[in-house]
């Protein structure tokens, strides 16, 4: 009987492990077993965070953040780059200063990490690796920003933190201190960080106090709009690894409030009031997506929601949160732009629509669409699950910066 019970336990444990590890992976994604393992780790973190919240132990995002702290790495200098944690305008930043001699003034990149405005940090292994590599390969000063996070802080705090750092760094005396060329500075970020980079680039155009202009912006699979949670990319990738639709909606809604009513309205795509219907022209994918991405999807007119949510949480209709809602007059003045999108990503169409709008306005843009990649792929270059696609995308991004900054 004991042997039978043990075998039954082993059998059930095997099923559980198989359930976690086996995830349907699109055929053209390479190293599927590695990707399945990554997916299993992420799903475990999400499920445990959900359990913690249901038991009243801690809020979902706080639990998720607790898991990411294991990725923390201290500021460690090496033979190529001096690394230090400091503050710019009272906001913590991790600073990367190349040691290699420079013939003239250096380039600089201000980087904003991803994590849905709720998790992550400049001091996580993946981000430390990327920003260190950027500093070394470009012989550039890199400022990686540790902005405050939800649920403790909601919009516009995250934006205000990254904007304050950017504005501080762009002062002529600070650029002089770090021997940075004022004509060769860019902002960059991935996911929620790509959202913040796009918003900062737009806001700087309106700020008469800032004399230094950005040369480039680089947006890596950015989140750019809050209006339509039913784009073809949301439909096709609803259950995709790393960033399923439900998690993205949780991130978006948490950025503005911990009130679950916004999340529920966003999930059913009924959160935008009729009074804001004019904004839908900026996210109308039937006009803004190329034919191959429309496939057999049918565009449906928006279902309007109660104006109460928009009055209470005005942020989700603010261009500082949703840069895709900016007018053509603003977009036309943007600097040289790089946008990376991935086929298997709920945020794919955000980036594609922004690229299409910028192209139509003759903004110099490189739109790099990775047909065999998924959201977050660039972060898997320094872990045991180091992915070839992560390295390739990182190299493409760095090559573009090197060529254009």
Protein backbone atom coordinates (compact mmCIF):
# COMPACT_ATOMS: atom_id res chain seq x y z
CA UNK A 1 0.00 0.00 0.00
CA UNK A 2 2.86 2.34 0.93
CA UNK A 3 4.56 1.67 -2.39
CA UNK A 4 1.29 2.38 -4.23
CA UNK A 5 0.84 5.67 -2.36
CA UNK A 6 4.41 6.71 -3.20
CA UNK A 7 3.91 5.86 -6.86
CA UNK A 8 0.66 7.82 -6.90
CA UNK A 9 2.38 10.84 -5.33
CA UNK A 10 5.22 10.58 -7.84
CA UNK A 11 2.72 10.31 -10.69
CA UNK A 12 0.77 13.38 -9.50
CA UNK A 13 3.98 15.36 -8.93
CA UNK A 14 5.12 14.45 -12.47
CA UNK A 15 1.82 15.67 -13.92
CA UNK A 16 2.16 18.93 -11.97
CA UNK A 17 5.74 19.48 -13.15
CA UNK A 18 4.77 18.60 -16.73
CA UNK A 19 1.85 21.06 -16.55
CA UNK A 20 4.18 23.83 -15.41
CA UNK A 21 6.97 23.07 -17.83
CA UNK A 22 4.95 22.26 -20.91
CA UNK A 23 3.61 25.40 -22.52
CA UNK A 24 2.61 25.50 -26.19
CA UNK A 25 5.46 27.45 -27.79
CA UNK A 26 5.10 28.86 -31.32
CA UNK A 27 7.04 26.67 -33.76
CA UNK A 28 9.42 29.38 -34.95
CA UNK A 29 10.71 30.22 -31.45
CA UNK A 30 14.10 28.56 -31.03
CA UNK A 31 15.35 26.77 -27.89
CA UNK A 32 11.75 25.80 -26.93
CA UNK A 33 12.76 23.84 -23.82
CA UNK A 34 14.62 26.81 -22.38
CA UNK A 35 11.62 29.03 -23.15
CA UNK A 36 9.30 26.49 -21.46
CA UNK A 37 11.47 26.55 -18.33
CA UNK A 38 11.41 30.38 -18.29
CA UNK A 39 7.64 30.27 -18.71
CA UNK A 40 7.31 27.79 -15.81
CA UNK A 41 9.33 30.07 -13.51
CA UNK A 42 7.19 33.09 -14.42
CA UNK A 43 3.91 31.21 -14.03
CA UNK A 44 5.00 29.92 -10.62
CA UNK A 45 5.77 33.46 -9.45
CA UNK A 46 2.41 34.71 -10.73
CA UNK A 47 0.46 31.86 -9.09
CA UNK A 48 2.24 32.25 -5.75
CA UNK A 49 1.63 36.02 -5.83
CA UNK A 50 -2.06 35.35 -6.45
CA UNK A 51 -2.21 32.91 -3.52
CA UNK A 52 -0.42 35.42 -1.24
CA UNK A 53 -2.98 38.08 -2.17
CA UNK A 54 -5.97 35.78 -1.65
CA UNK A 55 -4.67 34.74 1.76
CA UNK A 56 -4.32 38.41 2.68
CA UNK A 57 -0.55 38.09 3.18
CA UNK A 58 0.42 40.80 0.71
CA UNK A 59 -0.72 42.60 -2.40
CA UNK A 60 -0.15 40.75 -5.72
CA UNK A 61 2.44 43.20 -7.09
CA UNK A 62 4.29 43.35 -3.77
CA UNK A 63 4.60 39.56 -3.82
CA UNK A 64 5.82 39.65 -7.42
CA UNK A 65 8.39 42.29 -6.46
CA UNK A 66 9.63 40.08 -3.63
CA UNK A 67 10.52 37.38 -6.16
CA UNK A 68 12.44 39.80 -8.35
CA UNK A 69 14.66 40.94 -5.45
CA UNK A 70 16.63 37.68 -5.78
CA UNK A 71 17.92 39.14 -9.07
CA UNK A 72 19.51 42.11 -7.25
CA UNK A 73 23.21 42.69 -7.93
CA UNK A 74 25.33 45.30 -6.10
CA UNK A 75 27.08 48.06 -8.06
CA UNK A 76 30.26 46.29 -9.13
CA UNK A 77 32.94 47.95 -11.23
CA UNK A 78 35.06 45.91 -13.65
CA UNK A 79 38.08 46.58 -15.86
CA UNK A 80 35.91 48.35 -18.47
CA UNK A 81 33.26 50.25 -16.52
CA UNK A 82 33.02 52.05 -13.16
CA UNK A 83 29.59 51.39 -11.61
CA UNK A 84 28.07 53.32 -8.73
CA UNK A 85 24.70 53.95 -7.10
CA UNK A 86 23.91 57.62 -6.57
CA UNK A 87 21.00 60.07 -6.82
CA UNK A 88 20.05 62.59 -9.48
CA UNK A 89 17.38 65.08 -8.38
CA UNK A 90 16.70 62.90 -5.30
CA UNK A 91 15.92 59.84 -7.47
CA UNK A 92 18.19 56.76 -7.15
CA UNK A 93 20.18 55.94 -10.28
CA UNK A 94 22.85 53.41 -11.18
CA UNK A 95 25.62 55.14 -13.08
CA UNK A 96 27.97 53.45 -15.58
CA UNK A 97 31.14 55.34 -16.52
CA UNK A 98 33.44 53.79 -19.14
CA UNK A 99 37.12 53.55 -18.25
CA UNK A 100 38.36 53.45 -21.84
CA UNK A 101 39.96 56.67 -23.04
CA UNK A 102 37.81 58.81 -25.31
CA UNK A 103 39.12 61.05 -28.10
CA UNK A 104 36.42 63.63 -27.49
CA UNK A 105 33.27 63.99 -25.41
CA UNK A 106 31.31 60.81 -24.72
CA UNK A 107 27.84 59.71 -25.75
CA UNK A 108 25.20 59.08 -23.08
CA UNK A 109 22.10 56.90 -22.68
CA UNK A 110 19.45 57.38 -19.98
CA UNK A 111 17.78 53.99 -19.47
CA UNK A 112 14.41 53.14 -17.89
CA UNK A 113 13.83 49.52 -16.86
CA UNK A 114 10.66 47.52 -17.54
CA UNK A 115 8.41 45.67 -15.10
CA UNK A 116 4.94 47.13 -15.62
CA UNK A 117 5.67 50.23 -13.44
CA UNK A 118 5.30 47.80 -10.49
CA UNK A 119 8.36 45.53 -10.36
CA UNK A 120 11.98 45.43 -11.47
CA UNK A 121 14.93 47.73 -10.96
CA UNK A 122 18.12 49.10 -12.48
CA UNK A 123 19.96 46.80 -10.06
CA UNK A 124 18.50 43.53 -11.40
CA UNK A 125 20.97 41.17 -13.05
CA UNK A 126 19.43 41.45 -16.53
CA UNK A 127 19.35 45.26 -16.50
CA UNK A 128 22.80 45.58 -14.96
CA UNK A 129 24.14 43.33 -17.73
CA UNK A 130 22.43 45.34 -20.50
CA UNK A 131 23.42 48.79 -19.24
CA UNK A 132 26.99 47.70 -18.45
CA UNK A 133 27.28 46.27 -21.97
CA UNK A 134 25.87 49.51 -23.44
CA UNK A 135 28.43 51.59 -21.55
CA UNK A 136 31.33 49.36 -22.56
CA UNK A 137 30.42 48.81 -26.23
CA UNK A 138 29.47 52.44 -26.94
CA UNK A 139 32.09 53.95 -24.61
CA UNK A 140 29.10 55.86 -23.24
CA UNK A 141 27.92 57.18 -19.89
CA UNK A 142 24.75 55.27 -18.93
CA UNK A 143 22.26 56.47 -16.31
CA UNK A 144 19.87 53.68 -15.29
CA UNK A 145 16.95 54.99 -13.22
CA UNK A 146 15.39 53.35 -10.15
CA UNK A 147 12.05 55.15 -10.24
CA UNK A 148 9.39 54.54 -7.56
CA UNK A 149 6.93 51.73 -8.20
CA UNK A 150 3.25 50.84 -7.83
CA UNK A 151 1.29 49.81 -5.79
CA UNK A 152 2.93 52.17 -3.28
CA UNK A 153 3.16 54.93 -5.88
CA UNK A 154 0.81 55.48 -8.81
CA UNK A 155 0.96 57.61 -11.97
CA UNK A 156 2.38 60.19 -12.48
CA UNK A 157 5.10 59.43 -9.87
CA UNK A 158 7.01 56.97 -12.11
CA UNK A 159 6.97 59.44 -14.99
CA UNK A 160 7.93 62.36 -12.74
CA UNK A 161 10.92 60.43 -11.36
CA UNK A 162 12.37 59.54 -14.77
CA UNK A 163 11.64 63.03 -16.10
CA UNK A 164 13.37 64.66 -13.12
CA UNK A 165 16.49 62.52 -13.68
CA UNK A 166 16.53 63.28 -17.42
CA UNK A 167 16.11 67.02 -16.85
CA UNK A 168 18.84 67.01 -14.19
CA UNK A 169 21.29 65.11 -16.41
CA UNK A 170 20.67 67.37 -19.43
CA UNK A 171 21.93 70.45 -17.54
CA UNK A 172 25.13 71.77 -19.12
CA UNK A 173 27.12 71.68 -15.86
CA UNK A 174 26.20 68.00 -15.28
CA UNK A 175 27.08 67.05 -18.87
CA UNK A 176 30.39 68.88 -18.41
CA UNK A 177 31.05 66.97 -15.17
CA UNK A 178 30.71 63.62 -16.96
CA UNK A 179 32.38 64.81 -20.21
CA UNK A 180 29.20 64.11 -22.23
CA UNK A 181 28.58 65.56 -25.69
CA UNK A 182 25.25 67.50 -25.46
CA UNK A 183 24.55 66.59 -29.10
CA UNK A 184 24.78 62.81 -28.53
CA UNK A 185 22.31 61.85 -25.80
CA UNK A 186 19.45 59.36 -26.00
CA UNK A 187 16.71 57.88 -23.85
CA UNK A 188 15.88 54.18 -23.98
CA UNK A 189 13.78 51.62 -22.16
CA UNK A 190 11.98 48.32 -22.50
CA UNK A 191 8.28 47.55 -21.94
CA UNK A 192 7.05 49.96 -19.22
CA UNK A 193 10.49 51.61 -19.52
CA UNK A 194 9.87 52.05 -23.26
CA UNK A 195 6.61 53.75 -22.33
CA UNK A 196 8.49 56.12 -19.99
CA UNK A 197 11.19 56.83 -22.61
CA UNK A 198 8.55 57.73 -25.22
CA UNK A 199 6.72 59.95 -22.73
CA UNK A 200 9.96 61.71 -21.67
CA UNK A 201 10.95 62.36 -25.30
CA UNK A 202 7.54 63.96 -25.94
CA UNK A 203 7.52 66.02 -22.75
CA UNK A 204 10.98 67.46 -23.41
CA UNK A 205 9.65 69.03 -26.63
CA UNK A 206 7.24 71.11 -24.53
CA UNK A 207 9.75 72.10 -21.83
CA UNK A 208 11.29 75.53 -22.49
CA UNK A 209 13.65 75.11 -19.52
CA UNK A 210 15.57 72.29 -21.24
CA UNK A 211 18.02 73.56 -23.84
CA UNK A 212 19.71 70.24 -24.65
CA UNK A 213 17.82 68.17 -27.23
CA UNK A 214 17.78 64.37 -27.39
CA UNK A 215 19.47 62.89 -30.43
CA UNK A 216 17.67 59.51 -30.25
CA UNK A 217 14.97 57.52 -28.48
CA UNK A 218 15.05 53.71 -28.43
CA UNK A 219 11.84 51.92 -27.45
CA UNK A 220 12.07 48.17 -26.82
CA UNK A 221 8.67 46.39 -27.04
CA UNK A 222 7.04 49.48 -25.47
CA UNK A 223 3.56 49.83 -23.91
CA UNK A 224 2.13 52.94 -25.56
CA UNK A 225 -1.64 53.04 -25.23
CA UNK A 226 -4.34 52.42 -22.64
CA UNK A 227 -7.45 52.66 -24.80
CA UNK A 228 -7.80 49.37 -26.65
CA UNK A 229 -7.10 46.09 -24.86
CA UNK A 230 -8.53 44.13 -27.81
CA UNK A 231 -5.93 44.75 -30.51
CA UNK A 232 -5.02 41.79 -32.76
CA UNK A 233 -1.81 41.35 -30.71
CA UNK A 234 -3.87 41.09 -27.50
CA UNK A 235 -6.18 38.53 -29.13
CA UNK A 236 -3.40 36.40 -30.63
CA UNK A 237 -1.12 36.48 -27.57
CA UNK A 238 -3.71 36.44 -24.79
CA UNK A 239 -2.06 33.42 -23.13
CA UNK A 240 1.48 33.96 -24.39
CA UNK A 241 4.49 33.36 -22.13
CA UNK A 242 5.96 36.10 -19.88
CA UNK A 243 3.22 38.68 -20.50
CA UNK A 244 -0.31 37.25 -20.94
CA UNK A 245 -3.14 39.74 -21.43
CA UNK A 246 -4.42 39.47 -17.85
CA UNK A 247 -1.00 40.39 -16.41
CA UNK A 248 -0.60 43.33 -18.81
CA UNK A 249 -4.04 44.64 -17.84
CA UNK A 250 -3.09 44.25 -14.16
CA UNK A 251 0.09 46.25 -14.76
CA UNK A 252 -1.74 49.00 -16.66
CA UNK A 253 -4.53 49.36 -14.10
CA UNK A 254 -2.13 49.20 -11.13
CA UNK A 255 -0.13 52.04 -12.67
CA UNK A 256 -3.15 54.28 -12.03
CA UNK A 257 -4.89 52.73 -9.02
CA UNK A 258 -5.25 49.64 -6.81
CA UNK A 259 -9.04 49.92 -7.26
CA UNK A 260 -10.05 46.63 -8.98
CA UNK A 261 -12.91 48.31 -10.85
CA UNK A 262 -10.47 49.84 -13.35
CA UNK A 263 -8.81 46.47 -13.97
CA UNK A 264 -12.19 44.81 -14.55
CA UNK A 265 -13.29 47.57 -16.94
CA UNK A 266 -9.99 47.37 -18.86
CA UNK A 267 -10.19 43.59 -19.09
CA UNK A 268 -13.60 43.83 -20.76
CA UNK A 269 -12.39 46.84 -22.82
CA UNK A 270 -15.11 49.12 -21.41
CA UNK A 271 -13.08 51.75 -19.58
CA UNK A 272 -13.00 54.70 -22.00
CA UNK A 273 -15.92 57.15 -21.76
CA UNK A 274 -17.78 58.42 -24.82
CA UNK A 275 -16.45 61.93 -24.07
CA UNK A 276 -12.97 60.65 -25.05
CA UNK A 277 -14.08 58.92 -28.26
CA UNK A 278 -11.97 61.31 -30.39
CA UNK A 279 -8.84 59.60 -29.02
CA UNK A 280 -9.67 56.27 -30.68
CA UNK A 281 -8.39 57.60 -34.02
CA UNK A 282 -4.86 57.25 -32.58
CA UNK A 283 -5.32 53.54 -31.78
CA UNK A 284 -7.54 52.48 -34.68
CA UNK A 285 -5.57 49.44 -35.77
CA UNK A 286 -7.67 48.98 -38.91
CA UNK A 287 -5.92 52.12 -40.25
CA UNK A 288 -2.56 51.77 -38.51
CA UNK A 289 -1.52 48.12 -38.85
CA UNK A 290 0.00 46.64 -42.01
CA UNK A 291 -2.16 44.03 -43.79
CA UNK A 292 -0.10 41.02 -42.60
CA UNK A 293 -0.84 41.89 -38.98
CA UNK A 294 -4.56 42.45 -39.48
CA UNK A 295 -4.99 38.85 -40.75
CA UNK A 296 -8.64 37.85 -40.30
CA UNK A 297 -9.28 40.16 -37.39
CA UNK A 298 -12.35 42.35 -37.61
CA UNK A 299 -12.22 45.84 -36.13
CA UNK A 300 -15.14 46.58 -33.83
CA UNK A 301 -16.11 50.05 -32.69
CA UNK A 302 -15.33 50.70 -29.03
CA UNK A 303 -17.83 49.97 -26.27
CA UNK A 304 -17.81 53.04 -24.07
CA UNK A 305 -17.61 52.88 -20.30
CA UNK A 306 -18.75 54.99 -17.42
CA UNK A 307 -17.19 58.49 -17.23
CA UNK A 308 -16.72 57.95 -13.48
CA UNK A 309 -13.51 55.92 -13.89
CA UNK A 310 -11.92 58.45 -16.24
CA UNK A 311 -12.81 61.28 -13.86
CA UNK A 312 -11.41 59.42 -10.87
CA UNK A 313 -8.24 58.11 -12.58
CA UNK A 314 -7.48 60.68 -15.26
CA UNK A 315 -4.05 59.15 -15.90
CA UNK A 316 -5.09 56.53 -18.41
CA UNK A 317 -6.13 59.26 -20.88
CA UNK A 318 -2.94 61.30 -20.32
CA UNK A 319 -0.29 61.30 -23.05
CA UNK A 320 2.40 60.99 -20.35
CA UNK A 321 0.96 57.51 -19.70
CA UNK A 322 -0.17 56.76 -23.26
CA UNK A 323 2.29 58.40 -25.70
CA UNK A 324 0.42 56.98 -28.72
CA UNK A 325 -2.37 59.50 -27.97
CA UNK A 326 -0.10 62.47 -28.72
CA UNK A 327 -1.03 64.72 -31.64
CA UNK A 328 0.77 64.68 -34.99
CA UNK A 329 2.14 68.14 -34.16
CA UNK A 330 4.03 66.64 -31.18
CA UNK A 331 5.15 63.45 -32.91
CA UNK A 332 6.52 65.34 -35.92
CA UNK A 333 9.21 66.93 -33.71
CA UNK A 334 10.54 63.71 -32.17
CA UNK A 335 14.19 62.69 -32.54
CA UNK A 336 15.61 59.77 -34.48
CA UNK A 337 13.70 56.70 -33.26
CA UNK A 338 14.29 52.97 -32.87
CA UNK A 339 11.33 50.69 -32.09
CA UNK A 340 11.69 46.96 -31.49
CA UNK A 341 8.52 44.85 -31.61
CA UNK A 342 8.11 41.09 -31.16
CA UNK A 343 5.55 38.93 -32.96
CA UNK A 344 4.53 36.99 -29.85
CA UNK A 345 3.74 39.94 -27.60
CA UNK A 346 0.47 41.57 -26.51
CA UNK A 347 2.27 44.92 -26.90
CA UNK A 348 3.34 44.26 -30.50
CA UNK A 349 0.64 46.45 -32.06
CA UNK A 350 1.35 49.40 -29.72
CA UNK A 351 4.88 49.64 -31.14
CA UNK A 352 3.81 48.94 -34.73
CA UNK A 353 1.11 51.66 -34.66
CA UNK A 354 3.56 54.19 -33.19
CA UNK A 355 6.10 53.29 -35.89
CA UNK A 356 3.45 53.70 -38.61
CA UNK A 357 2.42 57.13 -37.29
CA UNK A 358 6.03 58.33 -37.08
CA UNK A 359 6.79 57.06 -40.59
CA UNK A 360 3.74 58.87 -41.98
CA UNK A 361 5.07 62.10 -40.40
CA UNK A 362 8.58 61.60 -41.88
CA UNK A 363 10.22 61.13 -38.48
CA UNK A 364 13.45 59.17 -39.14
CA UNK A 365 12.66 55.74 -37.70
CA UNK A 366 14.02 52.21 -37.67
CA UNK A 367 11.27 49.69 -36.89
CA UNK A 368 12.85 46.34 -36.08
CA UNK A 369 10.18 43.60 -35.99
CA UNK A 370 11.37 40.24 -34.60
CA UNK A 371 9.08 37.58 -36.06
CA UNK A 372 10.53 34.81 -33.88
CA UNK A 373 10.60 36.58 -30.50
CA UNK A 374 8.40 37.18 -27.46
CA UNK A 375 8.02 39.97 -24.90
CA UNK A 376 11.01 40.34 -22.59
CA UNK A 377 13.36 38.26 -24.76
CA UNK A 378 16.22 40.77 -24.41
CA UNK A 379 16.39 40.24 -20.66
CA UNK A 380 17.47 36.61 -21.06
CA UNK A 381 21.13 37.08 -21.87
CA UNK A 382 22.85 36.67 -18.51
CA UNK A 383 20.87 33.96 -16.71
CA UNK A 384 21.11 30.16 -16.76
CA UNK A 385 18.32 30.47 -19.36
CA UNK A 386 20.44 32.67 -21.62
CA UNK A 387 18.70 32.73 -25.00
CA UNK A 388 20.28 33.12 -28.43
CA UNK A 389 17.38 35.37 -29.51
CA UNK A 390 18.05 37.61 -26.47
CA UNK A 391 21.65 38.08 -27.55
CA UNK A 392 20.68 38.77 -31.16
CA UNK A 393 18.09 41.41 -30.22
CA UNK A 394 20.53 43.04 -27.78
CA UNK A 395 23.20 43.21 -30.48
CA UNK A 396 20.76 44.73 -32.99
CA UNK A 397 19.69 47.39 -30.46
CA UNK A 398 23.30 48.23 -29.51
CA UNK A 399 24.37 48.33 -33.16
CA UNK A 400 21.60 50.82 -33.93
CA UNK A 401 22.67 52.99 -30.99
CA UNK A 402 26.28 52.80 -32.08
CA UNK A 403 25.37 53.82 -35.65
CA UNK A 404 22.99 56.63 -34.72
CA UNK A 405 24.06 58.14 -31.41
